[in-house]
C-alpha cells in the first residue's frame, strides 16, 4: 500500500455522524463514500479546477452556464435571468451570475482581499 492509499480514521461527533449517515442513505451510498465525495467536492471548489478570476470575468452568459454545469455548482442561472421569452440575459444579468459563480468558487472573497490590500499600499 502506497502513502496515497493509506487509510486514516476520522472521528466525528455523534450529531455530525448521524447527519453524514442520513445524507449518505438519501444518496444511496455508504458513509465513507459520502465523506470521500464531500472532500473531493470541497477540494474541487476551493481549487476551482484552475479557472481564474480573469477567465470568469471574460465569460459570457452561456460560458458561465457551462462552467456551472461542469463544476456542478449550487448556482441556478434561472435565478439571475431577468430576460423575457424573446430576449437573452443582459449585461446586468450576466454580471450577477458571474458574481454568484465567483462566490460559489470562493473567488469573490479573494478579489475583495486583493482590492482591500491595494487600498493600503
N, C-alpha and C. Protein backbone atom coordinates (compact mmCIF):
# COMPACT_ATOMS: atom_id res chain seq x y z
N UNK A 1 0.85 -1.18 0.00
CA UNK A 1 0.00 0.00 0.00
C UNK A 1 0.90 1.24 0.00
N UNK A 2 0.69 2.12 -0.96
CA UNK A 2 1.47 3.35 -1.03
C UNK A 2 0.90 4.38 -0.05
N UNK A 3 1.65 5.46 0.15
CA UNK A 3 1.17 6.53 1.04
C UNK A 3 -0.16 7.10 0.58
N UNK A 4 -0.36 7.17 -0.76
CA UNK A 4 -1.61 7.72 -1.27
C UNK A 4 -2.80 6.82 -0.96
N UNK A 5 -2.55 5.53 -0.73
CA UNK A 5 -3.62 4.59 -0.43
C UNK A 5 -3.81 4.36 1.06
N UNK A 6 -3.05 5.05 1.88
CA UNK A 6 -3.12 4.85 3.33
C UNK A 6 -4.51 5.21 3.85
N UNK A 7 -4.98 4.42 4.78
CA UNK A 7 -6.28 4.66 5.38
C UNK A 7 -6.07 5.39 6.69
N UNK A 8 -6.89 6.39 6.95
CA UNK A 8 -6.85 7.04 8.25
C UNK A 8 -8.27 7.10 8.79
N UNK A 9 -8.37 7.19 10.07
CA UNK A 9 -9.68 7.22 10.72
C UNK A 9 -10.06 8.65 11.01
N UNK A 10 -11.34 8.90 10.88
CA UNK A 10 -11.88 10.22 11.11
C UNK A 10 -12.85 10.13 12.27
N UNK A 11 -12.68 10.95 13.26
CA UNK A 11 -13.56 10.93 14.42
C UNK A 11 -14.59 12.06 14.26
N UNK A 12 -15.87 11.69 14.30
CA UNK A 12 -16.95 12.65 14.17
C UNK A 12 -17.80 12.60 15.43
N UNK A 13 -18.31 13.76 15.85
CA UNK A 13 -19.22 13.72 16.99
C UNK A 13 -20.52 13.04 16.54
N UNK A 14 -21.31 12.61 17.47
CA UNK A 14 -22.49 11.79 17.14
C UNK A 14 -23.50 12.53 16.27
N UNK A 15 -23.68 13.83 16.49
CA UNK A 15 -24.63 14.59 15.68
C UNK A 15 -24.18 14.66 14.22
N UNK A 16 -22.90 14.93 14.03
CA UNK A 16 -22.37 15.01 12.68
C UNK A 16 -22.40 13.64 12.01
N UNK A 17 -22.07 12.61 12.77
CA UNK A 17 -22.10 11.25 12.22
C UNK A 17 -23.51 10.88 11.77
N UNK A 18 -24.52 11.24 12.57
CA UNK A 18 -25.91 10.97 12.20
C UNK A 18 -26.28 11.70 10.92
N UNK A 19 -25.81 12.94 10.80
CA UNK A 19 -26.11 13.73 9.61
C UNK A 19 -25.44 13.13 8.37
N UNK A 20 -24.19 12.70 8.51
CA UNK A 20 -23.48 12.05 7.40
C UNK A 20 -24.22 10.78 7.00
N UNK A 21 -24.58 9.96 7.98
CA UNK A 21 -25.29 8.72 7.68
C UNK A 21 -26.61 8.98 6.97
N UNK A 22 -27.34 10.01 7.42
CA UNK A 22 -28.62 10.34 6.81
C UNK A 22 -28.46 10.78 5.36
N UNK A 23 -27.50 11.67 5.10
CA UNK A 23 -27.29 12.14 3.73
C UNK A 23 -26.77 11.02 2.84
N UNK A 24 -25.93 10.16 3.38
CA UNK A 24 -25.42 9.03 2.61
C UNK A 24 -26.56 8.09 2.24
N UNK A 25 -27.42 7.81 3.20
CA UNK A 25 -28.56 6.93 2.93
C UNK A 25 -29.48 7.53 1.88
N UNK A 26 -29.71 8.85 1.97
CA UNK A 26 -30.55 9.53 0.97
C UNK A 26 -29.94 9.43 -0.42
N UNK A 27 -28.61 9.46 -0.49
CA UNK A 27 -27.92 9.37 -1.78
C UNK A 27 -27.71 7.93 -2.23
N UNK A 28 -28.01 6.98 -1.35
CA UNK A 28 -27.85 5.57 -1.70
C UNK A 28 -26.40 5.11 -1.73
N UNK A 29 -25.56 5.73 -0.90
CA UNK A 29 -24.15 5.37 -0.84
C UNK A 29 -23.75 5.15 0.60
N UNK A 30 -22.55 4.62 0.81
CA UNK A 30 -22.06 4.41 2.17
C UNK A 30 -21.61 5.73 2.78
N UNK A 31 -21.48 5.76 4.08
CA UNK A 31 -20.99 6.96 4.76
C UNK A 31 -19.58 7.31 4.30
N UNK A 32 -18.76 6.29 4.11
CA UNK A 32 -17.39 6.53 3.64
C UNK A 32 -17.38 7.16 2.26
N UNK A 33 -18.24 6.67 1.37
CA UNK A 33 -18.33 7.25 0.03
C UNK A 33 -18.81 8.70 0.11
N UNK A 34 -19.78 8.94 1.00
CA UNK A 34 -20.30 10.29 1.15
C UNK A 34 -19.19 11.25 1.60
N UNK A 35 -18.43 10.84 2.61
CA UNK A 35 -17.34 11.69 3.12
C UNK A 35 -16.29 11.90 2.02
N UNK A 36 -15.93 10.83 1.31
CA UNK A 36 -14.95 10.95 0.22
C UNK A 36 -15.46 11.93 -0.84
N UNK A 37 -16.73 11.78 -1.25
CA UNK A 37 -17.29 12.68 -2.26
C UNK A 37 -17.33 14.12 -1.77
N UNK A 38 -17.67 14.30 -0.50
CA UNK A 38 -17.72 15.65 0.06
C UNK A 38 -16.33 16.29 0.06
N UNK A 39 -15.33 15.53 0.43
CA UNK A 39 -13.96 16.05 0.45
C UNK A 39 -13.51 16.38 -0.97
N UNK A 40 -13.79 15.48 -1.92
CA UNK A 40 -13.40 15.74 -3.31
C UNK A 40 -14.10 16.98 -3.84
N UNK A 41 -15.39 17.12 -3.52
CA UNK A 41 -16.14 18.29 -3.97
C UNK A 41 -15.55 19.55 -3.34
N UNK A 42 -15.28 19.51 -2.06
CA UNK A 42 -14.70 20.65 -1.36
C UNK A 42 -13.37 21.05 -1.98
N UNK A 43 -12.54 20.08 -2.27
CA UNK A 43 -11.22 20.35 -2.84
C UNK A 43 -11.36 20.94 -4.24
N UNK A 44 -12.28 20.44 -5.03
CA UNK A 44 -12.50 20.98 -6.37
C UNK A 44 -12.99 22.41 -6.32
N UNK A 45 -13.91 22.69 -5.40
CA UNK A 45 -14.44 24.05 -5.30
C UNK A 45 -13.34 25.02 -4.87
N UNK A 46 -12.56 24.65 -3.87
CA UNK A 46 -11.52 25.55 -3.38
C UNK A 46 -10.46 25.81 -4.44
N UNK A 47 -10.11 24.79 -5.17
CA UNK A 47 -9.05 24.96 -6.17
C UNK A 47 -9.61 25.50 -7.47
N UNK A 48 -10.91 25.50 -7.60
CA UNK A 48 -11.64 26.00 -8.76
C UNK A 48 -11.14 25.39 -10.06
N UNK A 49 -10.52 24.24 -9.96
CA UNK A 49 -10.04 23.49 -11.13
C UNK A 49 -9.30 24.37 -12.13
N UNK A 50 -8.54 25.30 -11.62
CA UNK A 50 -7.69 26.10 -12.49
C UNK A 50 -8.40 27.24 -13.20
N UNK A 51 -9.66 27.47 -12.92
CA UNK A 51 -10.37 28.57 -13.55
C UNK A 51 -10.01 29.83 -12.78
N UNK A 52 -9.49 30.80 -13.50
CA UNK A 52 -9.06 32.03 -12.84
C UNK A 52 -10.17 33.07 -12.84
N UNK A 53 -10.02 34.05 -11.98
CA UNK A 53 -10.96 35.16 -11.91
C UNK A 53 -11.01 35.85 -13.27
N UNK A 54 -9.87 36.02 -13.89
CA UNK A 54 -9.82 36.69 -15.19
C UNK A 54 -10.60 35.92 -16.24
N UNK A 55 -10.46 34.58 -16.23
CA UNK A 55 -11.20 33.76 -17.20
C UNK A 55 -12.71 33.89 -16.97
N UNK A 56 -13.11 33.87 -15.72
CA UNK A 56 -14.54 34.00 -15.41
C UNK A 56 -15.04 35.38 -15.81
N UNK A 57 -14.25 36.41 -15.59
CA UNK A 57 -14.65 37.77 -15.96
C UNK A 57 -14.82 37.93 -17.47
N UNK A 58 -14.12 37.09 -18.26
CA UNK A 58 -14.22 37.15 -19.71
C UNK A 58 -15.35 36.28 -20.27
N UNK A 59 -16.02 35.51 -19.42
CA UNK A 59 -17.06 34.59 -19.89
C UNK A 59 -18.39 35.32 -20.12
N UNK A 60 -19.08 34.87 -21.18
CA UNK A 60 -20.43 35.37 -21.42
C UNK A 60 -21.43 34.47 -20.69
N UNK A 61 -22.70 34.76 -20.83
CA UNK A 61 -23.75 34.02 -20.12
C UNK A 61 -23.65 32.51 -20.36
N UNK A 62 -23.57 32.11 -21.64
CA UNK A 62 -23.55 30.68 -21.97
C UNK A 62 -22.31 29.99 -21.40
N UNK A 63 -21.18 30.66 -21.45
CA UNK A 63 -19.95 30.08 -20.89
C UNK A 63 -20.06 29.92 -19.38
N UNK A 64 -20.68 30.89 -18.72
CA UNK A 64 -20.89 30.78 -17.27
C UNK A 64 -21.81 29.60 -16.95
N UNK A 65 -22.85 29.43 -17.74
CA UNK A 65 -23.77 28.29 -17.54
C UNK A 65 -23.04 26.96 -17.74
N UNK A 66 -22.16 26.90 -18.75
CA UNK A 66 -21.36 25.68 -18.96
C UNK A 66 -20.46 25.41 -17.77
N UNK A 67 -19.84 26.47 -17.24
CA UNK A 67 -18.96 26.33 -16.08
C UNK A 67 -19.75 25.80 -14.87
N UNK A 68 -20.95 26.32 -14.68
CA UNK A 68 -21.81 25.87 -13.59
C UNK A 68 -22.11 24.39 -13.72
N UNK A 69 -22.43 23.96 -14.93
CA UNK A 69 -22.71 22.54 -15.16
C UNK A 69 -21.48 21.68 -14.95
N UNK A 70 -20.35 22.11 -15.51
CA UNK A 70 -19.10 21.34 -15.41
C UNK A 70 -18.67 21.13 -13.97
N UNK A 71 -18.85 22.15 -13.16
CA UNK A 71 -18.38 22.10 -11.77
C UNK A 71 -19.50 21.76 -10.78
N UNK A 72 -20.70 21.50 -11.34
CA UNK A 72 -21.86 21.15 -10.51
C UNK A 72 -22.03 22.15 -9.36
N UNK A 73 -21.98 23.43 -9.72
CA UNK A 73 -22.11 24.48 -8.71
C UNK A 73 -23.56 24.61 -8.26
N UNK A 74 -23.74 25.09 -7.05
CA UNK A 74 -25.07 25.29 -6.47
C UNK A 74 -25.59 26.67 -6.85
N UNK A 75 -25.50 26.99 -8.13
CA UNK A 75 -25.98 28.27 -8.65
C UNK A 75 -26.97 27.95 -9.75
N UNK A 76 -28.14 28.56 -9.71
CA UNK A 76 -29.15 28.34 -10.73
C UNK A 76 -29.23 29.58 -11.61
N UNK A 77 -28.77 29.47 -12.87
CA UNK A 77 -28.80 30.64 -13.76
C UNK A 77 -30.19 31.25 -13.90
N UNK A 78 -31.23 30.45 -13.77
CA UNK A 78 -32.60 30.98 -13.89
C UNK A 78 -32.89 32.05 -12.85
N UNK A 79 -32.21 31.96 -11.70
CA UNK A 79 -32.40 32.97 -10.64
C UNK A 79 -31.85 34.34 -11.04
N UNK A 80 -31.01 34.38 -12.05
CA UNK A 80 -30.35 35.62 -12.46
C UNK A 80 -30.79 36.09 -13.84
N UNK A 81 -31.65 35.31 -14.49
CA UNK A 81 -32.11 35.60 -15.84
C UNK A 81 -33.41 36.40 -15.77
N UNK A 82 -33.31 37.70 -16.03
CA UNK A 82 -34.48 38.57 -16.00
C UNK A 82 -34.99 38.90 -17.40
N UNK A 83 -34.56 38.10 -18.38
CA UNK A 83 -34.97 38.36 -19.75
C UNK A 83 -36.39 37.84 -19.99
N UNK A 84 -36.95 38.28 -21.09
CA UNK A 84 -38.26 37.79 -21.48
C UNK A 84 -38.09 36.59 -22.40
N UNK A 85 -39.19 36.02 -22.80
CA UNK A 85 -39.16 34.82 -23.64
C UNK A 85 -38.41 35.07 -24.95
N UNK A 86 -38.51 36.27 -25.49
CA UNK A 86 -37.91 36.58 -26.78
C UNK A 86 -36.57 37.29 -26.70
N UNK A 87 -36.01 37.42 -25.51
CA UNK A 87 -34.72 38.10 -25.37
C UNK A 87 -33.74 37.23 -24.59
N UNK A 88 -32.51 37.66 -24.60
CA UNK A 88 -31.45 36.95 -23.89
C UNK A 88 -31.10 37.72 -22.62
N UNK A 89 -30.43 37.05 -21.68
CA UNK A 89 -29.99 37.77 -20.47
C UNK A 89 -29.10 38.96 -20.85
N UNK A 90 -29.28 40.08 -20.17
CA UNK A 90 -28.50 41.27 -20.48
C UNK A 90 -27.22 41.32 -19.65
N UNK A 91 -26.48 42.40 -19.80
CA UNK A 91 -25.18 42.55 -19.13
C UNK A 91 -25.32 42.52 -17.61
N UNK A 92 -26.38 43.10 -17.09
CA UNK A 92 -26.59 43.09 -15.63
C UNK A 92 -26.85 41.67 -15.12
N UNK A 93 -27.65 40.92 -15.88
CA UNK A 93 -27.93 39.53 -15.51
C UNK A 93 -26.63 38.72 -15.50
N UNK A 94 -25.82 38.93 -16.53
CA UNK A 94 -24.55 38.20 -16.64
C UNK A 94 -23.62 38.58 -15.50
N UNK A 95 -23.59 39.87 -15.15
CA UNK A 95 -22.74 40.32 -14.05
C UNK A 95 -23.16 39.68 -12.74
N UNK A 96 -24.46 39.61 -12.48
CA UNK A 96 -24.96 39.00 -11.25
C UNK A 96 -24.65 37.50 -11.22
N UNK A 97 -24.82 36.82 -12.36
CA UNK A 97 -24.50 35.40 -12.43
C UNK A 97 -23.01 35.19 -12.20
N UNK A 98 -22.17 36.04 -12.81
CA UNK A 98 -20.72 35.95 -12.64
C UNK A 98 -20.34 36.09 -11.16
N UNK A 99 -20.94 37.05 -10.47
CA UNK A 99 -20.65 37.24 -9.05
C UNK A 99 -21.07 36.02 -8.23
N UNK A 100 -22.20 35.41 -8.60
CA UNK A 100 -22.66 34.21 -7.89
C UNK A 100 -21.68 33.05 -8.11
N UNK A 101 -21.17 32.92 -9.33
CA UNK A 101 -20.20 31.86 -9.63
C UNK A 101 -18.90 32.11 -8.87
N UNK A 102 -18.43 33.33 -8.88
CA UNK A 102 -17.20 33.67 -8.14
C UNK A 102 -17.37 33.40 -6.65
N UNK A 103 -18.54 33.72 -6.12
CA UNK A 103 -18.81 33.47 -4.70
C UNK A 103 -18.81 31.97 -4.42
N UNK A 104 -19.49 31.21 -5.25
CA UNK A 104 -19.58 29.76 -5.07
C UNK A 104 -18.20 29.10 -5.13
N UNK A 105 -17.34 29.61 -6.00
CA UNK A 105 -15.99 29.06 -6.12
C UNK A 105 -15.04 29.61 -5.06
N UNK A 106 -15.52 30.53 -4.25
CA UNK A 106 -14.68 31.10 -3.20
C UNK A 106 -13.69 32.12 -3.73
N UNK A 107 -13.94 32.63 -4.93
CA UNK A 107 -13.01 33.57 -5.54
C UNK A 107 -13.41 35.03 -5.31
N UNK A 108 -14.66 35.27 -4.97
CA UNK A 108 -15.09 36.65 -4.73
C UNK A 108 -14.41 37.21 -3.49
N UNK A 109 -14.25 36.38 -2.46
CA UNK A 109 -13.53 36.81 -1.26
C UNK A 109 -12.08 37.13 -1.59
N UNK A 110 -11.51 36.34 -2.51
CA UNK A 110 -10.12 36.56 -2.93
C UNK A 110 -9.98 37.92 -3.61
N UNK A 111 -10.94 38.26 -4.46
CA UNK A 111 -10.91 39.56 -5.15
C UNK A 111 -11.04 40.68 -4.13
N UNK A 112 -11.96 40.53 -3.19
CA UNK A 112 -12.17 41.56 -2.15
C UNK A 112 -10.90 41.76 -1.33
N UNK A 113 -10.23 40.67 -0.98
CA UNK A 113 -9.00 40.76 -0.20
C UNK A 113 -7.91 41.47 -1.01
N UNK A 114 -7.82 41.17 -2.30
CA UNK A 114 -6.82 41.82 -3.15
C UNK A 114 -7.10 43.32 -3.26
N UNK A 115 -8.37 43.69 -3.44
CA UNK A 115 -8.72 45.10 -3.55
C UNK A 115 -8.45 45.84 -2.25
N UNK A 116 -8.75 45.17 -1.13
CA UNK A 116 -8.51 45.78 0.17
C UNK A 116 -7.01 45.99 0.40
N UNK A 117 -6.21 45.01 -0.01
CA UNK A 117 -4.75 45.12 0.15
C UNK A 117 -4.21 46.26 -0.71
N UNK A 118 -4.78 46.44 -1.91
CA UNK A 118 -4.33 47.52 -2.78
C UNK A 118 -4.62 48.89 -2.17
N UNK A 119 -5.72 49.00 -1.43
CA UNK A 119 -6.08 50.27 -0.81
C UNK A 119 -5.05 50.71 0.22
N UNK A 120 -4.39 49.75 0.86
CA UNK A 120 -3.42 50.06 1.92
C UNK A 120 -2.01 50.27 1.38
N UNK A 121 -1.82 50.04 0.09
CA UNK A 121 -0.47 50.21 -0.47
C UNK A 121 -0.15 51.64 -0.76
